[in-house]
Amino acid sequence: MPVLLSCEIETSDLDTTAIENTATQLLALCRQEDKELSILLVSDSRMAAINGEYRRKFTPTNVLSFAMQEEPDLFSHNMLGDIVISVDTAAREAQEEKIPLQNRINFLLIHGLLHLLGYDHERSEAEADQMAGQEQALQKELTISYKPRSIS
């Protein structure tokens, strides 16, 4: 199974099947359809714990990515990595932007996947611009019609 989705929170606002389908489509668009991707949907409190453990930032963020190629000998060559999304943060951002939560989740999937593929908006302005261009191109392919304000 190329996409494994786990949802640790209960919400009626999410269509987890649609999230899995979007992730599968994104893998194909990025020519990674032979790779496996894990997606974890969590609360703000769980995200703050994960963010604190791995980045020493003890606050929630909207999305984190953990690439498996960092430890290639320990994992399957087919495993691309993990994307963790705080649904609480995504819901607040969607409300602020007046967009559906599903659209915000889709953007966070795009952002997280690009990190797994080596893009990093924090290294330089040039890389941030390149990543933003890739995000926009993938949004068009998924027909996401909004421009997100930022990634925290």
Protein backbone atom coordinates (compact mmCIF):
# COMPACT_ATOMS: atom_id res chain seq x y z
CA MET A 1 0.00 0.00 0.00
CA PRO A 2 1.69 3.26 -1.10
CA VAL A 3 -0.16 5.54 1.37
CA LEU A 4 -0.77 4.64 4.99
CA LEU A 5 -2.95 7.15 6.82
CA SER A 6 -3.49 7.14 10.58
CA CYS A 7 -5.88 9.57 12.24
CA GLU A 8 -5.45 10.08 15.98
CA ILE A 9 -8.31 12.54 16.31
CA GLU A 10 -12.04 12.37 15.75
CA THR A 11 -13.56 14.95 13.46
CA SER A 12 -16.44 14.87 11.02
CA ASP A 13 -14.81 17.62 8.94
CA LEU A 14 -12.23 15.30 7.38
CA ASP A 15 -12.60 12.86 4.54
CA THR A 16 -9.68 10.51 5.17
CA THR A 17 -10.33 8.62 1.93
CA ALA A 18 -9.97 11.89 0.01
CA ILE A 19 -6.71 12.61 1.86
CA GLU A 20 -5.35 9.18 0.91
CA ASN A 21 -6.43 9.71 -2.71
CA THR A 22 -4.79 13.15 -2.80
CA ALA A 23 -1.56 11.74 -1.38
CA THR A 24 -1.59 8.95 -3.97
CA GLN A 25 -2.14 11.51 -6.74
CA LEU A 26 0.70 13.66 -5.39
CA LEU A 27 3.08 10.70 -5.36
CA ALA A 28 2.24 10.07 -9.02
CA LEU A 29 2.63 13.75 -9.94
CA CYS A 30 6.07 13.75 -8.30
CA ARG A 31 7.00 10.48 -10.05
CA GLN A 32 7.19 8.70 -6.69
CA GLU A 33 4.31 6.26 -7.21
CA ASP A 34 6.59 3.34 -6.36
CA LYS A 35 7.25 4.85 -2.90
CA GLU A 36 5.35 4.40 0.34
CA LEU A 37 4.19 7.38 2.37
CA SER A 38 2.92 7.51 5.94
CA ILE A 39 0.53 10.29 6.99
CA LEU A 40 -0.39 10.93 10.62
CA LEU A 41 -3.21 13.34 11.53
CA VAL A 42 -2.89 14.61 15.09
CA SER A 43 -4.11 17.19 17.60
CA ASP A 44 -2.19 20.33 18.56
CA SER A 45 -1.09 18.77 21.85
CA ARG A 46 0.36 15.71 20.09
CA MET A 47 2.01 17.92 17.45
CA ALA A 48 3.59 20.08 20.17
CA ALA A 49 5.05 16.93 21.74
CA ILE A 50 6.44 15.69 18.40
CA ASN A 51 7.76 19.15 17.51
CA GLY A 52 9.40 19.40 20.93
CA GLU A 53 11.00 15.97 20.68
CA TYR A 54 12.48 16.44 17.21
CA ARG A 55 12.97 20.20 16.85
CA ARG A 56 13.10 21.43 20.46
CA LYS A 57 10.16 23.73 19.69
CA PHE A 58 7.48 22.89 22.24
CA THR A 59 4.58 24.41 20.34
CA PRO A 60 2.32 22.96 17.67
CA THR A 61 3.06 23.54 14.01
CA ASN A 62 0.90 22.73 11.03
CA VAL A 63 3.08 20.08 9.33
CA LEU A 64 6.28 18.14 9.96
CA SER A 65 8.06 15.76 7.59
CA PHE A 66 10.45 12.96 8.44
CA ALA A 67 12.40 11.60 5.48
CA MET A 68 13.38 7.96 5.58
CA GLN A 69 16.43 8.44 3.36
CA GLU A 70 18.17 9.94 6.38
CA GLU A 71 18.63 6.35 7.66
CA PRO A 72 18.64 4.29 4.45
CA ASP A 73 19.99 1.10 6.00
CA LEU A 74 17.24 0.93 8.60
CA PHE A 75 14.21 1.20 6.34
CA SER A 76 12.74 -0.12 3.16
CA HIS A 77 14.07 1.57 0.05
CA ASN A 78 10.45 2.13 -0.94
CA MET A 79 9.54 4.17 2.15
CA LEU A 80 9.68 7.88 1.34
CA GLY A 81 8.86 9.09 4.84
CA ASP A 82 6.26 10.39 7.26
CA ILE A 83 4.12 13.51 7.13
CA VAL A 84 2.51 14.62 10.40
CA ILE A 85 -0.30 17.19 10.19
CA SER A 86 -1.97 18.98 13.09
CA VAL A 87 -5.64 19.03 12.16
CA ASP A 88 -6.31 21.61 14.90
CA THR A 89 -3.80 24.05 13.42
CA ALA A 90 -4.93 23.31 9.87
CA ALA A 91 -8.55 23.97 10.89
CA ARG A 92 -7.65 27.35 12.41
CA GLU A 93 -5.67 28.29 9.31
CA ALA A 94 -8.51 27.20 7.02
CA GLN A 95 -10.98 29.28 9.02
CA GLU A 96 -8.68 32.33 8.91
CA GLU A 97 -8.25 31.91 5.14
CA LYS A 98 -11.97 31.15 4.64
CA ILE A 99 -11.23 27.94 2.77
CA PRO A 100 -12.37 24.35 3.32
CA LEU A 101 -10.30 22.34 5.78
CA GLN A 102 -9.75 19.68 3.11
CA ASN A 103 -8.03 22.27 0.89
CA ARG A 104 -5.71 23.30 3.71
CA ILE A 105 -4.87 19.67 4.44
CA ASN A 106 -4.13 19.17 0.73
CA PHE A 107 -1.70 22.08 0.75
CA LEU A 108 0.02 20.76 3.87
CA LEU A 109 0.38 17.38 2.14
CA ILE A 110 2.04 19.13 -0.80
CA HIS A 111 4.35 21.07 1.50
CA GLY A 112 5.26 18.01 3.54
CA LEU A 113 5.88 15.87 0.47
CA LEU A 114 8.19 18.48 -1.05
CA HIS A 115 10.22 18.44 2.16
CA LEU A 116 10.51 14.66 1.84
CA LEU A 117 11.78 15.17 -1.70
CA GLY A 118 14.55 17.48 -0.48
CA TYR A 119 13.02 20.95 -0.81
CA ASP A 120 13.68 23.27 2.14
CA HIS A 121 12.28 26.81 2.34
CA GLU A 122 14.35 27.56 5.45
CA ARG A 123 17.81 27.18 3.85
CA SER A 124 17.69 30.17 1.53
CA GLU A 125 15.37 32.59 -0.20
CA ALA A 126 16.16 30.97 -3.55
CA GLU A 127 15.13 27.55 -2.23
CA ALA A 128 12.01 29.06 -0.68
CA ASP A 129 11.08 30.51 -4.08
CA GLN A 130 11.76 27.20 -5.80
CA MET A 131 9.64 25.32 -3.26
CA ALA A 132 6.81 27.85 -3.58
CA GLY A 133 6.86 27.37 -7.35
CA GLN A 134 6.60 23.60 -6.94
CA GLU A 135 3.75 24.04 -4.44
CA GLN A 136 1.86 26.23 -6.90
CA ALA A 137 2.40 23.76 -9.75
CA LEU A 138 1.11 20.86 -7.66
CA GLN A 139 -1.83 22.94 -6.42
CA LYS A 140 -2.83 23.56 -10.02
CA GLU A 141 -2.67 19.84 -10.75
CA LEU A 142 -4.94 19.19 -7.76
CA THR A 143 -7.06 22.25 -8.63
CA ILE A 144 -6.55 23.86 -5.23
CA SER A 145 -7.61 27.41 -5.96
CA TYR A 146 -6.18 29.37 -3.04
CA LYS A 147 -2.79 30.73 -2.16
CA PRO A 148 -1.88 29.81 1.41
CA ARG A 149 -0.47 32.53 3.61
CA SER A 150 2.49 30.66 5.09
CA ILE A 151 3.84 27.58 6.75
CA SER A 152 4.67 27.87 10.43
